[in-house]
Amino acid sequence: MDLKEIINDKLLKPKVKTELLSQHLLEAKDGIDQIIILASSAKDPVRATCIEAIEFATKIKPEIAGSSCLDFVTANLAAKAPRVKWESAKVIGNIAHLFPDRLALPVEKLLVNSENPGTVVRWSAAYALGEIIKLNTSLNTELLPAARAIIEREEKNSIKKIYLEAFRKLTKDLKK
């Protein structure tokens, strides 16, 4: 099955589609740009499934993501659908280390999502921002105070822990 067939197969459940799409990406049957092209013109549920497949694949093999992937998921941080936002943030968290000089716009959009009413959107933004904090780029000058402010206002301990763990890792790396 090719990507279009997987996406258009009405008999496949979304999780199965995600699995098959991510397998395609990991086995290099189709490039990540092909799935981005398909997702770009798709409705939110299909787009979210495609981005989730990218997230699964980039968790295992981040190097499959090029700058077009970073641009695509960064743009989708502003989507209306929460699932599109949270899957996009997770992809950024997986690939941020590949693009340390191209993270200013993703950080800006992730900070907006850190105030989203949806817990999963905030958690995913925290994951991505935490991974960016650990990179210790020049963005930390503004990002660290912003993350501290998020910790102060955040109600969920699970989200606070993500930022605190990033701070601990950063501090530990700086002491080396």
N, C-alpha and C. Protein backbone atom coordinates (compact mmCIF):
# COMPACT_ATOMS: atom_id res chain seq x y z
N MET A 1 0.85 -1.19 0.00
CA MET A 1 0.00 0.00 0.00
C MET A 1 0.88 1.24 0.00
N ASP A 2 0.49 2.23 -0.79
CA ASP A 2 1.22 3.49 -0.74
C ASP A 2 0.53 4.44 0.23
N LEU A 3 1.13 5.61 0.45
CA LEU A 3 0.61 6.55 1.45
C LEU A 3 -0.84 6.94 1.18
N LYS A 4 -1.16 7.27 -0.06
CA LYS A 4 -2.53 7.68 -0.40
C LYS A 4 -3.53 6.57 -0.11
N GLU A 5 -3.15 5.34 -0.45
CA GLU A 5 -4.05 4.21 -0.21
C GLU A 5 -4.29 4.02 1.29
N ILE A 6 -3.25 4.18 2.07
CA ILE A 6 -3.41 4.04 3.53
C ILE A 6 -4.34 5.12 4.06
N ILE A 7 -4.09 6.36 3.66
CA ILE A 7 -4.89 7.49 4.14
C ILE A 7 -6.35 7.36 3.73
N ASN A 8 -6.58 6.88 2.51
CA ASN A 8 -7.95 6.83 1.98
C ASN A 8 -8.70 5.55 2.32
N ASP A 9 -8.05 4.57 2.91
CA ASP A 9 -8.69 3.30 3.25
C ASP A 9 -9.64 3.50 4.44
N LYS A 10 -10.93 3.43 4.15
CA LYS A 10 -11.96 3.66 5.16
C LYS A 10 -12.06 2.51 6.17
N LEU A 11 -11.50 1.36 5.84
CA LEU A 11 -11.58 0.22 6.73
C LEU A 11 -10.52 0.24 7.81
N LEU A 12 -9.47 1.02 7.60
CA LEU A 12 -8.40 1.08 8.59
C LEU A 12 -8.74 2.08 9.69
N LYS A 13 -8.52 1.67 10.91
CA LYS A 13 -8.72 2.59 12.05
C LYS A 13 -7.55 3.58 12.07
N PRO A 14 -7.77 4.78 12.65
CA PRO A 14 -6.71 5.80 12.68
C PRO A 14 -5.38 5.31 13.26
N LYS A 15 -5.41 4.52 14.32
CA LYS A 15 -4.16 4.03 14.92
C LYS A 15 -3.41 3.10 13.97
N VAL A 16 -4.14 2.29 13.22
CA VAL A 16 -3.51 1.39 12.25
C VAL A 16 -2.91 2.23 11.12
N LYS A 17 -3.65 3.24 10.69
CA LYS A 17 -3.12 4.14 9.66
C LYS A 17 -1.82 4.79 10.13
N THR A 18 -1.83 5.27 11.36
CA THR A 18 -0.64 5.91 11.92
C THR A 18 0.54 4.94 11.90
N GLU A 19 0.29 3.72 12.33
CA GLU A 19 1.34 2.70 12.37
C GLU A 19 1.89 2.42 10.97
N LEU A 20 1.00 2.23 10.01
CA LEU A 20 1.43 1.93 8.64
C LEU A 20 2.19 3.11 8.02
N LEU A 21 1.69 4.32 8.26
CA LEU A 21 2.37 5.50 7.73
C LEU A 21 3.77 5.66 8.34
N SER A 22 3.88 5.45 9.64
CA SER A 22 5.20 5.59 10.27
C SER A 22 6.15 4.49 9.79
N GLN A 23 5.64 3.29 9.54
CA GLN A 23 6.47 2.22 8.98
C GLN A 23 7.01 2.61 7.61
N HIS A 24 6.15 3.22 6.81
CA HIS A 24 6.57 3.69 5.49
C HIS A 24 7.74 4.67 5.63
N LEU A 25 7.61 5.58 6.58
CA LEU A 25 8.65 6.58 6.78
C LEU A 25 9.95 5.94 7.27
N LEU A 26 9.84 5.04 8.20
CA LEU A 26 11.03 4.39 8.78
C LEU A 26 11.73 3.46 7.79
N GLU A 27 10.95 2.84 6.93
CA GLU A 27 11.52 1.92 5.95
C GLU A 27 11.90 2.63 4.66
N ALA A 28 11.77 3.95 4.67
CA ALA A 28 12.13 4.79 3.52
C ALA A 28 11.39 4.40 2.24
N LYS A 29 10.17 3.87 2.42
CA LYS A 29 9.36 3.56 1.25
C LYS A 29 8.88 4.85 0.61
N ASP A 30 8.58 5.82 1.43
CA ASP A 30 8.16 7.13 0.96
C ASP A 30 8.86 8.17 1.82
N GLY A 31 9.29 9.24 1.21
CA GLY A 31 9.95 10.29 1.96
C GLY A 31 8.96 11.07 2.81
N ILE A 32 9.50 11.73 3.80
CA ILE A 32 8.66 12.51 4.70
C ILE A 32 7.95 13.63 3.95
N ASP A 33 8.57 14.13 2.88
CA ASP A 33 7.94 15.20 2.10
C ASP A 33 6.64 14.73 1.44
N GLN A 34 6.56 13.44 1.08
CA GLN A 34 5.34 12.91 0.48
C GLN A 34 4.18 12.97 1.47
N ILE A 35 4.44 12.59 2.70
CA ILE A 35 3.37 12.61 3.70
C ILE A 35 2.99 14.05 4.05
N ILE A 36 3.96 14.95 4.02
CA ILE A 36 3.68 16.36 4.27
C ILE A 36 2.78 16.93 3.18
N ILE A 37 3.06 16.58 1.94
CA ILE A 37 2.22 17.04 0.82
C ILE A 37 0.80 16.55 0.99
N LEU A 38 0.64 15.27 1.33
CA LEU A 38 -0.70 14.71 1.53
C LEU A 38 -1.41 15.37 2.71
N ALA A 39 -0.69 15.56 3.78
CA ALA A 39 -1.29 16.14 4.99
C ALA A 39 -1.65 17.60 4.80
N SER A 40 -0.89 18.30 4.01
CA SER A 40 -1.11 19.75 3.82
C SER A 40 -2.49 20.07 3.27
N SER A 41 -3.00 19.20 2.42
CA SER A 41 -4.31 19.46 1.83
C SER A 41 -5.43 18.66 2.48
N ALA A 42 -5.11 17.95 3.54
CA ALA A 42 -6.10 17.09 4.20
C ALA A 42 -6.86 17.84 5.29
N LYS A 43 -8.00 17.28 5.65
CA LYS A 43 -8.77 17.81 6.78
C LYS A 43 -8.04 17.46 8.07
N ASP A 44 -8.41 18.15 9.14
CA ASP A 44 -7.70 18.03 10.42
C ASP A 44 -7.51 16.60 10.93
N PRO A 45 -8.53 15.73 10.91
CA PRO A 45 -8.29 14.37 11.43
C PRO A 45 -7.21 13.61 10.66
N VAL A 46 -7.22 13.74 9.34
CA VAL A 46 -6.21 13.06 8.52
C VAL A 46 -4.85 13.73 8.72
N ARG A 47 -4.83 15.04 8.78
CA ARG A 47 -3.57 15.77 9.00
C ARG A 47 -2.96 15.34 10.34
N ALA A 48 -3.80 15.24 11.36
CA ALA A 48 -3.31 14.83 12.68
C ALA A 48 -2.74 13.41 12.64
N THR A 49 -3.38 12.52 11.93
CA THR A 49 -2.89 11.15 11.80
C THR A 49 -1.53 11.14 11.09
N CYS A 50 -1.40 11.94 10.05
CA CYS A 50 -0.12 12.03 9.33
C CYS A 50 0.98 12.59 10.23
N ILE A 51 0.66 13.63 10.98
CA ILE A 51 1.65 14.23 11.88
C ILE A 51 2.00 13.26 13.00
N GLU A 52 1.02 12.51 13.48
CA GLU A 52 1.29 11.51 14.50
C GLU A 52 2.24 10.44 13.95
N ALA A 53 2.07 10.06 12.71
CA ALA A 53 2.97 9.09 12.08
C ALA A 53 4.39 9.66 11.99
N ILE A 54 4.49 10.93 11.65
CA ILE A 54 5.79 11.60 11.62
C ILE A 54 6.39 11.61 13.02
N GLU A 55 5.56 11.86 14.02
CA GLU A 55 6.03 11.89 15.41
C GLU A 55 6.59 10.53 15.81
N PHE A 56 5.86 9.46 15.52
CA PHE A 56 6.33 8.12 15.85
C PHE A 56 7.66 7.84 15.17
N ALA A 57 7.74 8.16 13.87
CA ALA A 57 8.94 7.88 13.09
C ALA A 57 10.14 8.71 13.57
N THR A 58 9.89 9.99 13.87
CA THR A 58 11.01 10.84 14.29
C THR A 58 11.46 10.54 15.71
N LYS A 59 10.62 9.91 16.49
CA LYS A 59 11.05 9.50 17.83
C LYS A 59 12.12 8.42 17.71
N ILE A 60 11.96 7.55 16.73
CA ILE A 60 12.90 6.45 16.50
C ILE A 60 14.09 6.90 15.65
N LYS A 61 13.80 7.70 14.62
CA LYS A 61 14.82 8.09 13.64
C LYS A 61 14.65 9.57 13.28
N PRO A 62 15.06 10.47 14.17
CA PRO A 62 14.84 11.90 13.93
C PRO A 62 15.45 12.43 12.64
N GLU A 63 16.52 11.82 12.20
CA GLU A 63 17.22 12.33 11.02
C GLU A 63 16.42 12.23 9.72
N ILE A 64 15.28 11.54 9.73
CA ILE A 64 14.46 11.49 8.52
C ILE A 64 13.77 12.83 8.27
N ALA A 65 13.75 13.69 9.27
CA ALA A 65 13.07 14.99 9.15
C ALA A 65 14.02 16.04 8.61
N GLY A 66 13.60 16.69 7.55
CA GLY A 66 14.37 17.79 7.01
C GLY A 66 13.76 19.12 7.44
N SER A 67 14.29 20.19 6.90
CA SER A 67 13.80 21.52 7.28
C SER A 67 12.35 21.72 6.84
N SER A 68 11.93 21.05 5.77
CA SER A 68 10.53 21.17 5.34
C SER A 68 9.59 20.59 6.40
N CYS A 69 10.04 19.56 7.09
CA CYS A 69 9.24 18.97 8.17
C CYS A 69 9.13 19.96 9.33
N LEU A 70 10.25 20.56 9.70
CA LEU A 70 10.22 21.56 10.77
C LEU A 70 9.26 22.70 10.40
N ASP A 71 9.34 23.18 9.17
CA ASP A 71 8.46 24.26 8.73
C ASP A 71 6.99 23.84 8.79
N PHE A 72 6.71 22.62 8.34
CA PHE A 72 5.34 22.10 8.31
C PHE A 72 4.75 22.00 9.72
N VAL A 73 5.48 21.39 10.63
CA VAL A 73 4.93 21.22 11.98
C VAL A 73 4.88 22.55 12.73
N THR A 74 5.83 23.45 12.45
CA THR A 74 5.78 24.77 13.08
C THR A 74 4.51 25.50 12.66
N ALA A 75 4.19 25.46 11.37
CA ALA A 75 2.97 26.11 10.88
C ALA A 75 1.73 25.49 11.53
N ASN A 76 1.77 24.18 11.77
CA ASN A 76 0.61 23.49 12.34
C ASN A 76 0.44 23.69 13.84
N LEU A 77 1.40 24.33 14.49
CA LEU A 77 1.22 24.67 15.90
C LEU A 77 0.08 25.66 16.09
N ALA A 78 -0.26 26.37 15.03
CA ALA A 78 -1.34 27.36 15.10
C ALA A 78 -2.67 26.82 14.56
N ALA A 79 -2.74 25.54 14.29
CA ALA A 79 -3.98 24.94 13.78
C ALA A 79 -5.09 25.05 14.82
N LYS A 80 -6.33 24.94 14.35
CA LYS A 80 -7.47 24.97 15.28
C LYS A 80 -7.60 23.67 16.06
N ALA A 81 -7.34 22.56 15.38
CA ALA A 81 -7.54 21.25 15.99
C ALA A 81 -6.46 20.97 17.04
N PRO A 82 -6.86 20.71 18.28
CA PRO A 82 -5.87 20.43 19.33
C PRO A 82 -4.93 19.28 19.00
N ARG A 83 -5.44 18.22 18.40
CA ARG A 83 -4.59 17.06 18.09
C ARG A 83 -3.49 17.44 17.10
N VAL A 84 -3.81 18.29 16.15
CA VAL A 84 -2.80 18.75 15.19
C VAL A 84 -1.72 19.53 15.93
N LYS A 85 -2.14 20.38 16.87
CA LYS A 85 -1.19 21.17 17.66
C LYS A 85 -0.28 20.28 18.49
N TRP A 86 -0.87 19.32 19.21
CA TRP A 86 -0.05 18.54 20.12
C TRP A 86 0.87 17.57 19.38
N GLU A 87 0.43 17.00 18.28
CA GLU A 87 1.31 16.11 17.51
C GLU A 87 2.45 16.92 16.88
N SER A 88 2.16 18.13 16.41
CA SER A 88 3.19 18.99 15.84
C SER A 88 4.25 19.34 16.87
N ALA A 89 3.81 19.65 18.08
CA ALA A 89 4.75 19.99 19.15
C ALA A 89 5.66 18.80 19.47
N LYS A 90 5.09 17.60 19.49
CA LYS A 90 5.90 16.42 19.80
C LYS A 90 6.96 16.18 18.71
N VAL A 91 6.59 16.42 17.46
CA VAL A 91 7.58 16.28 16.38
C VAL A 91 8.72 17.28 16.61
N ILE A 92 8.38 18.51 16.95
CA ILE A 92 9.42 19.52 17.19
C ILE A 92 10.33 19.07 18.33
N GLY A 93 9.75 18.53 19.38
CA GLY A 93 10.57 18.02 20.47
C GLY A 93 11.52 16.91 20.02
N ASN A 94 11.07 16.09 19.09
CA ASN A 94 11.89 14.99 18.59
C ASN A 94 13.04 15.46 17.69
N ILE A 95 12.82 16.55 16.96
CA ILE A 95 13.80 16.96 15.93
C ILE A 95 14.52 18.27 16.24
N ALA A 96 14.21 18.92 17.33
CA ALA A 96 14.79 20.24 17.63
C ALA A 96 16.32 20.22 17.58
N HIS A 97 16.92 19.15 18.07
CA HIS A 97 18.39 19.07 18.10
C HIS A 97 19.01 19.11 16.70
N LEU A 98 18.23 18.81 15.67
CA LEU A 98 18.74 18.84 14.30
C LEU A 98 18.78 20.26 13.73
N PHE A 99 18.02 21.17 14.35
CA PHE A 99 17.87 22.53 13.82
C PHE A 99 18.05 23.60 14.89
N PRO A 100 19.16 23.58 15.63
CA PRO A 100 19.30 24.52 16.75
C PRO A 100 19.25 26.00 16.35
N ASP A 101 19.56 26.29 15.09
CA ASP A 101 19.54 27.68 14.64
C ASP A 101 18.22 28.10 14.00
N ARG A 102 17.23 27.20 14.00
CA ARG A 102 15.95 27.50 13.35
C ARG A 102 14.77 27.34 14.31
N LEU A 103 15.01 27.57 15.58
CA LEU A 103 13.97 27.29 16.58
C LEU A 103 13.24 28.52 17.11
N ALA A 104 13.60 29.72 16.67
CA ALA A 104 12.97 30.93 17.22
C ALA A 104 11.46 30.94 16.96
N LEU A 105 11.03 30.68 15.74
CA LEU A 105 9.59 30.68 15.43
C LEU A 105 8.86 29.53 16.14
N PRO A 106 9.40 28.30 16.10
CA PRO A 106 8.73 27.25 16.86
C PRO A 106 8.58 27.60 18.35
N VAL A 107 9.62 28.18 18.95
CA VAL A 107 9.55 28.55 20.37
C VAL A 107 8.43 29.57 20.59
N GLU A 108 8.35 30.55 19.72
CA GLU A 108 7.29 31.57 19.83
C GLU A 108 5.91 30.93 19.82
N LYS A 109 5.69 30.02 18.89
CA LYS A 109 4.37 29.36 18.78
C LYS A 109 4.13 28.37 19.92
N LEU A 110 5.18 27.71 20.36
CA LEU A 110 5.04 26.79 21.50
C LEU A 110 4.69 27.54 22.78
N LEU A 111 5.26 28.71 22.94
CA LEU A 111 4.92 29.52 24.12
C LEU A 111 3.45 29.92 24.11
N VAL A 112 2.91 30.21 22.94
CA VAL A 112 1.48 30.49 22.82
C VAL A 112 0.68 29.26 23.25
N ASN A 113 1.10 28.08 22.77
CA ASN A 113 0.39 26.84 23.11
C ASN A 113 0.54 26.46 24.57
N SER A 114 1.55 27.01 25.25
CA SER A 114 1.71 26.72 26.67
C SER A 114 0.59 27.34 27.50
N GLU A 115 -0.19 28.20 26.89
CA GLU A 115 -1.34 28.83 27.56
C GLU A 115 -2.68 28.28 27.08
N ASN A 116 -2.63 27.25 26.25
CA ASN A 116 -3.84 26.65 25.69
C ASN A 116 -4.67 26.02 26.81
N PRO A 117 -6.01 26.08 26.73
CA PRO A 117 -6.82 25.44 27.76
C PRO A 117 -6.71 23.90 27.78
N GLY A 118 -6.27 23.31 26.68
CA GLY A 118 -6.16 21.85 26.61
C GLY A 118 -4.89 21.34 27.27
N THR A 119 -5.05 20.43 28.21
CA THR A 119 -3.91 19.88 28.95
C THR A 119 -2.91 19.21 28.02
N VAL A 120 -3.38 18.43 27.05
CA VAL A 120 -2.46 17.70 26.17
C VAL A 120 -1.68 18.67 25.28
N VAL A 121 -2.32 19.76 24.86
CA VAL A 121 -1.62 20.77 24.06
C VAL A 121 -0.53 21.41 24.91
N ARG A 122 -0.85 21.75 26.17
CA ARG A 122 0.16 22.34 27.06
C ARG A 122 1.27 21.35 27.38
N TRP A 123 0.92 20.08 27.60
CA TRP A 123 1.92 19.06 27.89
C TRP A 123 2.87 18.91 26.70
N SER A 124 2.34 18.85 25.49
CA SER A 124 3.17 18.69 24.30
C SER A 124 4.06 19.90 24.07
N ALA A 125 3.52 21.08 24.32
CA ALA A 125 4.34 22.30 24.21
C ALA A 125 5.47 22.24 25.23
N ALA A 126 5.17 21.77 26.43
CA ALA A 126 6.20 21.64 27.47
C ALA A 126 7.27 20.65 27.05
N TYR A 127 6.86 19.54 26.46
CA TYR A 127 7.83 18.54 25.98
C TYR A 127 8.78 19.19 24.98
N ALA A 128 8.23 19.86 23.98
CA ALA A 128 9.07 20.48 22.94
C ALA A 128 9.95 21.58 23.53
N LEU A 129 9.37 22.44 24.34
CA LEU A 129 10.16 23.52 24.96
C LEU A 129 11.24 22.96 25.87
N GLY A 130 10.92 21.89 26.59
CA GLY A 130 11.92 21.25 27.44
C GLY A 130 13.09 20.72 26.64
N GLU A 131 12.81 20.11 25.50
CA GLU A 131 13.88 19.60 24.64
C GLU A 131 14.73 20.75 24.09
N ILE A 132 14.09 21.86 23.79
CA ILE A 132 14.81 23.03 23.29
C ILE A 132 15.67 23.65 24.40
N ILE A 133 15.13 23.72 25.60
CA ILE A 133 15.90 24.24 26.74
C ILE A 133 17.17 23.41 26.93
N LYS A 134 17.06 22.08 26.83
CA LYS A 134 18.21 21.20 27.03
C LYS A 134 19.33 21.44 26.01
N LEU A 135 18.98 22.00 24.86
CA LEU A 135 19.98 22.27 23.82
C LEU A 135 20.92 23.42 24.20
N ASN A 136 20.48 24.23 25.15
CA ASN A 136 21.26 25.37 25.64
C ASN A 136 21.70 26.31 24.51
N THR A 137 20.74 26.73 23.70
CA THR A 137 21.02 27.70 22.64
C THR A 137 20.86 29.12 23.18
N SER A 138 21.11 30.08 22.35
CA SER A 138 20.94 31.49 22.75
C SER A 138 19.47 31.80 23.05
N LEU A 139 18.57 30.96 22.60
CA LEU A 139 17.14 31.15 22.89
C LEU A 139 16.85 31.03 24.38
N ASN A 140 17.72 30.36 25.12
CA ASN A 140 17.49 30.18 26.55
C ASN A 140 17.46 31.48 27.32
N THR A 141 18.09 32.52 26.78
CA THR A 141 18.06 33.83 27.44
C THR A 141 16.63 34.28 27.70
N GLU A 142 15.76 34.06 26.72
CA GLU A 142 14.35 34.42 26.86
C GLU A 142 13.50 33.22 27.29
N LEU A 143 13.92 32.04 26.89
CA LEU A 143 13.12 30.85 27.15
C LEU A 143 13.10 30.43 28.62
N LEU A 144 14.22 30.53 29.29
CA LEU A 144 14.26 30.12 30.70
C LEU A 144 13.33 30.96 31.58
N PRO A 145 13.36 32.31 31.48
CA PRO A 145 12.39 33.07 32.28
C PRO A 145 10.94 32.78 31.89
N ALA A 146 10.70 32.55 30.60
CA ALA A 146 9.34 32.23 30.15
C ALA A 146 8.88 30.90 30.75
N ALA A 147 9.79 29.92 30.77
CA ALA A 147 9.46 28.61 31.34
C ALA A 147 9.20 28.71 32.84
N ARG A 148 9.98 29.54 33.52
CA ARG A 148 9.74 29.74 34.96
C ARG A 148 8.35 30.34 35.20
N ALA A 149 7.96 31.29 34.35
CA ALA A 149 6.63 31.90 34.47
C ALA A 149 5.54 30.86 34.20
N ILE A 150 5.79 29.97 33.25
CA ILE A 150 4.82 28.91 32.96
C ILE A 150 4.67 28.01 34.18
N ILE A 151 5.78 27.65 34.80
CA ILE A 151 5.73 26.79 36.00
C ILE A 151 4.89 27.45 37.10
N GLU A 152 5.04 28.75 37.25
CA GLU A 152 4.30 29.48 38.29
C GLU A 152 2.79 29.44 38.06
N ARG A 153 2.37 29.52 36.81
CA ARG A 153 0.93 29.59 36.53
C ARG A 153 0.29 28.24 36.22
N GLU A 154 1.12 27.25 35.87
CA GLU A 154 0.60 25.94 35.47
C GLU A 154 0.01 25.19 36.66
N GLU A 155 -1.18 24.62 36.45
CA GLU A 155 -1.88 23.89 37.49
C GLU A 155 -1.43 22.43 37.57
N LYS A 156 -1.08 21.86 36.45
CA LYS A 156 -0.78 20.42 36.38
C LYS A 156 0.68 20.14 36.72
N ASN A 157 0.87 19.32 37.75
CA ASN A 157 2.22 18.94 38.15
C ASN A 157 2.96 18.18 37.05
N SER A 158 2.23 17.39 36.26
CA SER A 158 2.87 16.62 35.19
C SER A 158 3.52 17.54 34.17
N ILE A 159 2.94 18.69 33.95
CA ILE A 159 3.50 19.66 33.00
C ILE A 159 4.66 20.41 33.65
N LYS A 160 4.48 20.79 34.90
CA LYS A 160 5.57 21.47 35.62
C LYS A 160 6.83 20.60 35.64
N LYS A 161 6.65 19.29 35.85
CA LYS A 161 7.77 18.36 35.95
C LYS A 161 8.62 18.36 34.67
N ILE A 162 7.97 18.53 33.54
CA ILE A 162 8.71 18.52 32.26
C ILE A 162 9.70 19.68 32.22
N TYR A 163 9.23 20.85 32.61
CA TYR A 163 10.12 22.02 32.63
C TYR A 163 11.21 21.86 33.68
N LEU A 164 10.84 21.39 34.85
CA LEU A 164 11.82 21.22 35.93
C LEU A 164 12.89 20.21 35.54
N GLU A 165 12.49 19.14 34.87
CA GLU A 165 13.46 18.15 34.41
C GLU A 165 14.41 18.75 33.37
N ALA A 166 13.89 19.59 32.49
CA ALA A 166 14.75 20.25 31.50
C ALA A 166 15.75 21.16 32.20
N PHE A 167 15.30 21.88 33.23
CA PHE A 167 16.22 22.73 34.01
C PHE A 167 17.31 21.89 34.67
N ARG A 168 16.91 20.75 35.27
CA ARG A 168 17.88 19.87 35.93
C ARG A 168 18.93 19.36 34.93
N LYS A 169 18.46 18.93 33.78
CA LYS A 169 19.37 18.41 32.75
C LYS A 169 20.31 19.51 32.27
N LEU A 170 19.79 20.69 32.05
CA LEU A 170 20.62 21.82 31.61
C LEU A 170 21.67 22.14 32.65
N THR A 171 21.27 22.22 33.91
CA THR A 171 22.20 22.54 35.01
C THR A 171 23.28 21.46 35.12
N LYS A 172 22.87 20.20 35.00
CA LYS A 172 23.82 19.09 35.07
C LYS A 172 24.82 19.18 33.92
N ASP A 173 24.36 19.48 32.72
CA ASP A 173 25.25 19.59 31.55
C ASP A 173 26.20 20.77 31.69
N LEU A 174 25.72 21.86 32.29
CA LEU A 174 26.57 23.04 32.46
C LEU A 174 27.69 22.80 33.46
N LYS A 175 27.45 21.90 34.43
CA LYS A 175 28.46 21.61 35.45
C LYS A 175 29.58 20.72 34.91
N LYS A 176 29.33 20.05 33.79
CA LYS A 176 30.33 19.13 33.21
C LYS A 176 31.51 19.87 32.65
